N, C-alpha and C. Protein backbone atom coordinates (compact mmCIF):
# COMPACT_ATOMS: atom_id res chain seq x y z
N MET A 1 60.93 137.72 201.11
CA MET A 1 61.97 136.97 200.27
C MET A 1 61.41 135.59 200.23
N GLU A 2 60.72 135.83 198.65
CA GLU A 2 59.90 134.49 198.06
C GLU A 2 61.14 133.96 196.97
N GLU A 3 60.87 132.86 196.75
CA GLU A 3 61.52 132.12 195.50
C GLU A 3 60.03 131.28 195.24
N GLU A 4 60.20 131.39 193.53
CA GLU A 4 59.08 130.34 192.68
C GLU A 4 57.56 130.53 193.73
N GLY A 5 57.06 132.06 194.50
CA GLY A 5 55.81 131.90 194.70
C GLY A 5 55.67 131.51 195.98
N GLU A 6 56.88 131.08 197.22
CA GLU A 6 57.12 130.39 198.07
C GLU A 6 57.80 131.05 199.41
N ASP A 7 57.12 130.92 200.26
CA ASP A 7 58.08 131.84 201.58
C ASP A 7 58.99 130.82 202.16
N ILE A 8 60.22 130.96 201.60
CA ILE A 8 61.33 130.08 202.40
C ILE A 8 61.25 130.34 203.35
N ASN A 9 60.95 131.49 204.19
CA ASN A 9 60.85 131.44 205.97
C ASN A 9 59.71 130.13 206.48
N ASN A 10 58.96 129.89 205.82
CA ASN A 10 57.28 129.41 206.25
C ASN A 10 57.83 127.73 206.04
N CYS A 11 59.28 127.71 206.24
CA CYS A 11 59.49 125.92 206.41
C CYS A 11 59.17 125.35 207.67
N PRO A 12 58.04 124.09 207.52
CA PRO A 12 57.95 123.45 208.64
C PRO A 12 58.78 122.58 209.74
N LEU A 13 60.28 123.09 209.24
CA LEU A 13 61.41 122.73 209.78
C LEU A 13 61.86 124.03 210.65
N GLY A 14 61.22 125.29 210.11
CA GLY A 14 61.83 126.53 210.60
C GLY A 14 62.84 126.93 209.17
N ARG A 15 63.45 128.22 209.44
CA ARG A 15 64.18 128.78 208.50
C ARG A 15 65.32 128.12 208.49
N ARG A 16 65.56 128.48 206.98
CA ARG A 16 66.76 127.49 206.20
C ARG A 16 67.85 127.19 207.38
N ASP A 17 68.13 128.72 207.56
CA ASP A 17 69.54 128.46 207.93
C ASP A 17 69.91 128.01 210.50
N GLN A 18 68.52 127.85 210.19
CA GLN A 18 68.12 127.10 211.55
C GLN A 18 68.64 125.65 211.55
N VAL A 19 68.16 125.24 210.44
CA VAL A 19 68.13 123.70 210.41
C VAL A 19 69.46 123.05 209.72
N ILE A 20 70.08 122.56 210.72
CA ILE A 20 71.72 122.34 210.68
C ILE A 20 71.69 120.72 210.50
N GLU A 21 71.15 119.91 210.91
CA GLU A 21 71.21 118.26 210.64
C GLU A 21 70.30 118.10 209.84
N TYR A 22 70.32 117.16 208.64
CA TYR A 22 69.18 116.84 208.21
C TYR A 22 69.13 115.06 207.96
N SER A 23 69.95 114.32 208.04
CA SER A 23 69.73 112.89 208.05
C SER A 23 70.40 112.15 209.50
N ALA A 24 70.08 111.09 208.98
CA ALA A 24 70.49 110.47 210.44
C ALA A 24 71.70 109.94 209.91
N ARG A 25 72.34 109.46 208.83
CA ARG A 25 74.04 109.21 208.36
C ARG A 25 74.43 110.27 209.05
N GLU A 26 74.50 111.68 208.71
CA GLU A 26 75.12 113.08 209.72
C GLU A 26 75.29 112.60 210.82
N LYS A 27 73.98 112.64 211.48
CA LYS A 27 73.87 111.96 213.22
C LYS A 27 75.11 110.49 213.43
N LEU A 28 75.14 109.88 212.84
CA LEU A 28 75.49 108.98 213.16
C LEU A 28 77.01 108.84 212.56
N ILE A 29 77.26 109.68 211.59
CA ILE A 29 78.79 110.18 211.83
C ILE A 29 79.05 110.96 212.85
N ASP A 30 78.62 111.93 213.01
CA ASP A 30 79.28 113.15 214.23
C ASP A 30 79.18 112.18 215.69
N GLY A 31 78.12 110.52 215.80
CA GLY A 31 78.64 110.19 217.32
C GLY A 31 77.04 110.41 217.61
N LEU A 32 76.12 110.96 217.37
CA LEU A 32 74.73 111.56 218.30
C LEU A 32 73.68 110.30 218.01
N VAL A 33 74.34 109.17 217.20
CA VAL A 33 72.96 108.32 217.46
C VAL A 33 73.46 106.81 217.43
N GLU A 34 72.68 105.88 218.50
CA GLU A 34 73.52 105.01 218.83
C GLU A 34 73.45 103.75 217.92
N THR A 35 74.11 103.00 217.66
CA THR A 35 74.35 102.13 216.57
C THR A 35 73.80 100.65 216.58
N ASP A 36 72.74 100.68 217.56
CA ASP A 36 71.61 99.54 217.57
C ASP A 36 70.65 99.92 216.53
N THR A 37 69.72 98.81 216.10
CA THR A 37 69.61 99.15 214.74
C THR A 37 68.04 99.33 214.72
N GLU A 38 67.40 98.63 215.69
CA GLU A 38 66.16 99.67 215.82
C GLU A 38 66.07 101.23 215.90
N ARG A 39 67.66 101.61 216.64
CA ARG A 39 67.18 102.98 216.44
C ARG A 39 67.66 103.86 215.06
N PHE A 40 68.17 102.82 214.78
CA PHE A 40 68.75 103.53 213.50
C PHE A 40 67.68 103.62 212.19
N ARG A 41 66.74 102.37 212.39
CA ARG A 41 65.34 102.39 211.72
C ARG A 41 64.64 103.13 212.10
N LYS A 42 64.56 103.91 213.04
CA LYS A 42 63.45 105.00 213.24
C LYS A 42 64.44 106.40 213.11
N ASP A 43 65.79 106.25 213.03
CA ASP A 43 65.79 107.23 213.09
C ASP A 43 66.02 107.83 210.63
N MET A 44 66.02 106.38 210.60
CA MET A 44 65.89 106.10 209.01
C MET A 44 64.04 106.86 208.64
N GLU A 45 63.37 106.51 209.41
CA GLU A 45 61.93 106.74 209.15
C GLU A 45 61.45 108.35 209.50
N GLU A 46 62.29 108.82 210.47
CA GLU A 46 62.72 110.34 211.07
C GLU A 46 62.93 110.75 209.82
N GLU A 47 64.19 110.78 209.16
CA GLU A 47 64.86 110.98 207.43
C GLU A 47 64.01 111.33 206.83
N SER A 48 62.97 110.03 206.46
CA SER A 48 62.10 110.10 205.61
C SER A 48 60.81 111.56 205.38
N VAL A 49 61.01 111.29 206.74
CA VAL A 49 59.63 112.60 207.08
C VAL A 49 60.54 114.11 206.79
N VAL A 50 61.90 114.13 207.74
CA VAL A 50 62.19 115.16 207.45
C VAL A 50 62.36 115.63 205.64
N ARG A 51 62.86 114.55 205.18
CA ARG A 51 62.89 114.84 203.11
C ARG A 51 61.46 115.14 202.83
N GLY A 52 60.50 114.57 203.42
CA GLY A 52 59.34 115.03 202.60
C GLY A 52 59.10 116.66 203.14
N ARG A 53 59.31 116.86 204.74
CA ARG A 53 59.07 118.41 204.68
C ARG A 53 60.40 119.10 203.69
N LEU A 54 61.20 118.80 203.98
CA LEU A 54 62.62 119.88 203.40
C LEU A 54 61.97 119.58 201.45
N GLU A 55 61.49 118.46 201.20
CA GLU A 55 60.77 118.52 199.91
C GLU A 55 59.74 119.79 199.30
N SER A 56 59.22 119.74 200.40
CA SER A 56 58.16 120.86 200.34
C SER A 56 58.58 122.23 200.40
N CYS A 57 59.79 122.46 201.13
CA CYS A 57 60.40 123.51 200.84
C CYS A 57 61.35 123.97 200.07
N GLY A 58 61.46 122.90 199.04
CA GLY A 58 62.16 123.14 197.86
C GLY A 58 63.58 123.05 198.25
N ILE A 59 64.05 122.19 198.97
CA ILE A 59 65.58 121.73 199.49
C ILE A 59 66.17 120.76 198.65
N ILE A 60 67.06 120.83 197.96
CA ILE A 60 67.40 119.81 197.56
C ILE A 60 67.56 118.45 198.16
N LEU A 61 67.33 117.47 197.15
CA LEU A 61 66.61 116.18 197.87
C LEU A 61 67.67 115.49 196.77
N GLN A 62 67.41 114.02 197.32
CA GLN A 62 68.10 112.99 196.76
C GLN A 62 67.71 112.45 195.40
N LYS A 63 66.26 112.54 195.03
CA LYS A 63 66.22 112.44 193.97
C LYS A 63 67.12 113.51 192.58
N GLU A 64 66.84 115.00 193.21
CA GLU A 64 67.45 116.18 192.65
C GLU A 64 69.26 115.43 192.56
N MET A 65 70.20 114.90 193.41
CA MET A 65 71.04 114.38 193.81
C MET A 65 71.22 113.18 192.45
N ASN A 66 70.19 112.94 192.68
CA ASN A 66 70.43 111.14 191.71
C ASN A 66 70.46 111.70 190.23
N GLY A 67 69.47 113.02 190.31
CA GLY A 67 69.45 113.54 188.57
C GLY A 67 71.05 114.34 188.12
N ILE A 68 71.48 114.68 189.27
CA ILE A 68 72.88 115.68 188.97
C ILE A 68 73.59 114.41 188.51
N ASN A 69 73.72 113.10 189.63
CA ASN A 69 74.69 112.04 189.55
C ASN A 69 74.39 111.27 187.79
N ILE A 70 73.39 111.28 187.13
CA ILE A 70 72.66 110.67 186.21
C ILE A 70 73.10 111.56 185.41
N HIS A 71 73.36 112.83 185.32
CA HIS A 71 74.15 114.06 184.36
C HIS A 71 75.57 113.84 184.05
N THR A 72 76.09 113.54 185.80
CA THR A 72 77.77 113.40 185.63
C THR A 72 78.30 112.04 185.35
N ARG A 73 77.02 110.76 185.29
CA ARG A 73 77.47 109.56 184.85
C ARG A 73 77.51 109.45 183.30
N ARG A 74 76.33 110.92 182.78
CA ARG A 74 76.43 110.41 181.54
C ARG A 74 77.22 111.47 180.89
N ASP A 75 78.16 112.61 181.60
CA ASP A 75 79.41 112.82 181.36
C ASP A 75 80.44 112.35 180.88
N ASP A 76 80.33 111.58 181.91
CA ASP A 76 81.55 110.64 182.24
C ASP A 76 81.60 109.74 180.59
N GLU A 77 80.43 109.04 180.48
CA GLU A 77 80.55 108.40 179.29
C GLU A 77 80.60 109.00 178.20
N ILE A 78 80.35 110.56 178.01
CA ILE A 78 80.81 111.15 176.94
C ILE A 78 82.26 111.15 176.95
N SER A 79 82.49 111.72 177.92
CA SER A 79 84.32 111.80 177.99
C SER A 79 85.39 110.40 177.83
N CYS A 80 84.10 109.49 177.83
CA CYS A 80 84.76 107.95 177.65
C CYS A 80 84.91 107.96 175.91
N GLU A 81 83.97 108.09 175.44
CA GLU A 81 83.51 107.94 174.30
C GLU A 81 84.46 109.06 173.47
N LEU A 82 84.58 110.35 173.75
CA LEU A 82 85.57 111.21 173.37
C LEU A 82 86.87 110.63 173.22
N ARG A 83 87.49 110.55 174.30
CA ARG A 83 88.48 109.82 174.46
C ARG A 83 88.79 108.84 173.49
N ARG A 84 87.97 107.86 173.50
CA ARG A 84 87.66 106.58 172.10
C ARG A 84 88.02 107.06 171.30
N LEU A 85 87.30 108.43 170.75
CA LEU A 85 87.49 108.83 169.19
C LEU A 85 88.19 109.43 169.23
N ASN A 86 88.84 110.55 169.86
CA ASN A 86 90.36 111.08 169.82
C ASN A 86 91.32 109.98 169.43
N ALA A 87 91.72 108.70 170.08
CA ALA A 87 92.39 108.13 170.30
C ALA A 87 92.23 107.26 168.32
N GLN A 88 90.94 107.04 168.13
CA GLN A 88 91.32 106.44 166.81
C GLN A 88 91.56 107.61 165.80
N LEU A 89 90.97 108.33 166.11
CA LEU A 89 91.95 110.10 164.94
C LEU A 89 92.89 110.06 165.18
N ILE A 90 93.55 109.97 165.96
CA ILE A 90 95.38 109.85 166.51
C ILE A 90 96.14 108.62 165.68
N GLU A 91 95.06 107.68 165.67
CA GLU A 91 95.52 106.41 164.99
C GLU A 91 95.30 106.58 163.13
N LYS A 92 94.35 107.07 163.02
CA LYS A 92 94.06 107.03 161.67
C LYS A 92 95.00 108.30 161.05
N ARG A 93 95.42 109.61 161.75
CA ARG A 93 96.62 110.71 161.43
C ARG A 93 97.43 109.95 161.36
N ARG A 94 98.30 108.91 161.98
CA ARG A 94 98.96 108.12 161.89
C ARG A 94 99.67 107.70 160.77
N PHE A 95 98.34 107.00 160.14
CA PHE A 95 98.12 106.04 159.33
C PHE A 95 98.24 106.98 158.06
N ILE A 96 97.59 108.02 157.85
CA ILE A 96 97.60 109.26 156.76
C ILE A 96 99.01 109.24 156.69
N ASN A 97 99.73 109.87 157.99
CA ASN A 97 101.20 109.76 157.53
C ASN A 97 102.14 109.03 156.72
N GLU A 98 101.76 108.01 157.31
CA GLU A 98 102.51 106.93 156.55
C GLU A 98 102.54 107.05 155.34
N CYS A 99 101.09 107.04 155.27
CA CYS A 99 100.91 106.98 153.57
C CYS A 99 101.48 108.03 152.63
N ARG A 100 100.99 109.27 153.27
CA ARG A 100 101.97 110.35 152.62
C ARG A 100 103.59 110.14 152.70
N LYS A 101 104.25 109.85 153.53
CA LYS A 101 105.76 109.18 153.61
C LYS A 101 106.40 108.17 152.64
N LYS A 102 105.28 107.32 151.96
CA LYS A 102 105.21 106.48 151.36
C LYS A 102 105.24 106.84 149.94
N MET A 103 103.93 107.90 149.59
CA MET A 103 103.78 108.76 148.59
C MET A 103 105.30 109.19 147.69
N ARG A 104 105.53 110.07 148.93
CA ARG A 104 106.37 110.95 148.86
C ARG A 104 107.97 109.75 148.30
N GLU A 105 107.64 109.18 149.06
CA GLU A 105 109.24 108.07 148.22
C GLU A 105 108.71 107.69 146.94
N TYR A 106 107.46 106.87 146.75
CA TYR A 106 106.90 106.41 145.28
C TYR A 106 107.23 107.64 144.34
N TYR A 107 106.62 108.76 144.59
CA TYR A 107 106.99 109.68 143.68
C TYR A 107 108.45 110.26 143.64
N LYS A 108 109.09 110.13 144.35
CA LYS A 108 110.62 110.22 144.34
C LYS A 108 111.64 109.39 143.13
N ARG A 109 110.72 107.74 143.53
CA ARG A 109 111.13 106.60 142.84
C ARG A 109 110.78 107.06 141.45
N VAL A 110 109.53 107.63 141.01
CA VAL A 110 108.90 107.86 139.91
C VAL A 110 109.63 108.96 139.36
N GLU A 111 109.80 110.22 139.72
CA GLU A 111 110.54 110.66 139.17
C GLU A 111 111.75 110.66 138.88
N GLY A 112 112.47 109.55 139.54
CA GLY A 112 113.74 109.21 139.53
C GLY A 112 114.03 108.40 138.06
N LYS A 113 113.25 107.46 137.53
CA LYS A 113 112.32 106.79 136.77
C LYS A 113 112.06 107.77 135.23
N GLN A 114 111.52 108.45 135.43
CA GLN A 114 111.29 109.61 134.32
C GLN A 114 113.01 110.35 134.54
N ALA A 115 113.50 110.84 135.02
CA ALA A 115 114.85 111.11 134.61
C ALA A 115 115.61 110.16 133.91
N GLU A 116 115.54 109.22 134.30
CA GLU A 116 115.96 107.84 133.28
C GLU A 116 115.79 107.86 132.24
N PHE A 117 114.36 107.94 131.87
CA PHE A 117 113.66 107.51 130.78
C PHE A 117 113.90 108.65 130.08
N ASP A 118 113.61 109.90 130.32
CA ASP A 118 114.47 111.37 129.56
C ASP A 118 115.90 111.33 129.15
N LYS A 119 116.52 110.82 129.98
CA LYS A 119 117.72 110.27 129.69
C LYS A 119 118.04 109.52 128.44
N LEU A 120 117.65 108.73 128.62
CA LEU A 120 117.86 107.63 127.49
C LEU A 120 117.17 108.17 126.41
N GLN A 121 115.79 108.80 126.19
CA GLN A 121 115.38 109.57 124.94
C GLN A 121 116.25 110.63 124.32
N LYS A 122 116.80 110.91 125.20
CA LYS A 122 117.74 111.91 124.66
C LYS A 122 119.19 111.25 123.76
N GLU A 123 119.34 110.41 124.16
CA GLU A 123 120.20 109.17 124.60
C GLU A 123 120.44 108.50 122.71
N GLU A 124 118.77 108.34 122.59
CA GLU A 124 118.45 107.64 121.46
C GLU A 124 118.09 108.51 120.21
N LYS A 125 117.97 109.85 120.52
CA LYS A 125 117.86 111.51 119.23
C LYS A 125 118.61 111.32 119.02
N SER A 126 119.82 110.89 120.21
CA SER A 126 121.50 111.74 119.63
C SER A 126 122.02 110.61 118.78
N TYR A 127 121.48 109.34 118.33
CA TYR A 127 122.29 108.31 117.92
C TYR A 127 121.42 108.19 116.34
N LYS A 128 121.65 108.61 115.69
CA LYS A 128 120.54 108.67 114.40
C LYS A 128 121.08 107.77 113.50
N CYS A 129 120.62 107.04 112.42
CA CYS A 129 121.15 106.05 111.60
C CYS A 129 120.67 106.68 110.41
N HIS A 130 122.14 107.08 109.39
CA HIS A 130 121.61 107.33 108.04
C HIS A 130 121.99 106.23 107.31
């Protein structure tokens, strides 16, 4: 079983399925590490060594997680921008609809005035002076 030319079972930590704990933080959560700072510092150093070994095996690391987080933040920024643009679009549609209503009212008034004008013209034609 090889991925990208590397034997995943030839990891310095052993087989992937045998590696259970990866970080001092996980050990702290499980209560396996004492809370004294010296021990925690030592565990953090060990964690960096373990991370180096994991990196050589191609296991996801903080760098990759940071890359994923950057993409997630970028996606969030894009979503926020899309929501802002959508709000602007909705506002512009409302404005356009208001303009359409006003134009309809205006045309109705113009049609009414045109009808009055036409009526007056007919009356004018009917009054012929000889």
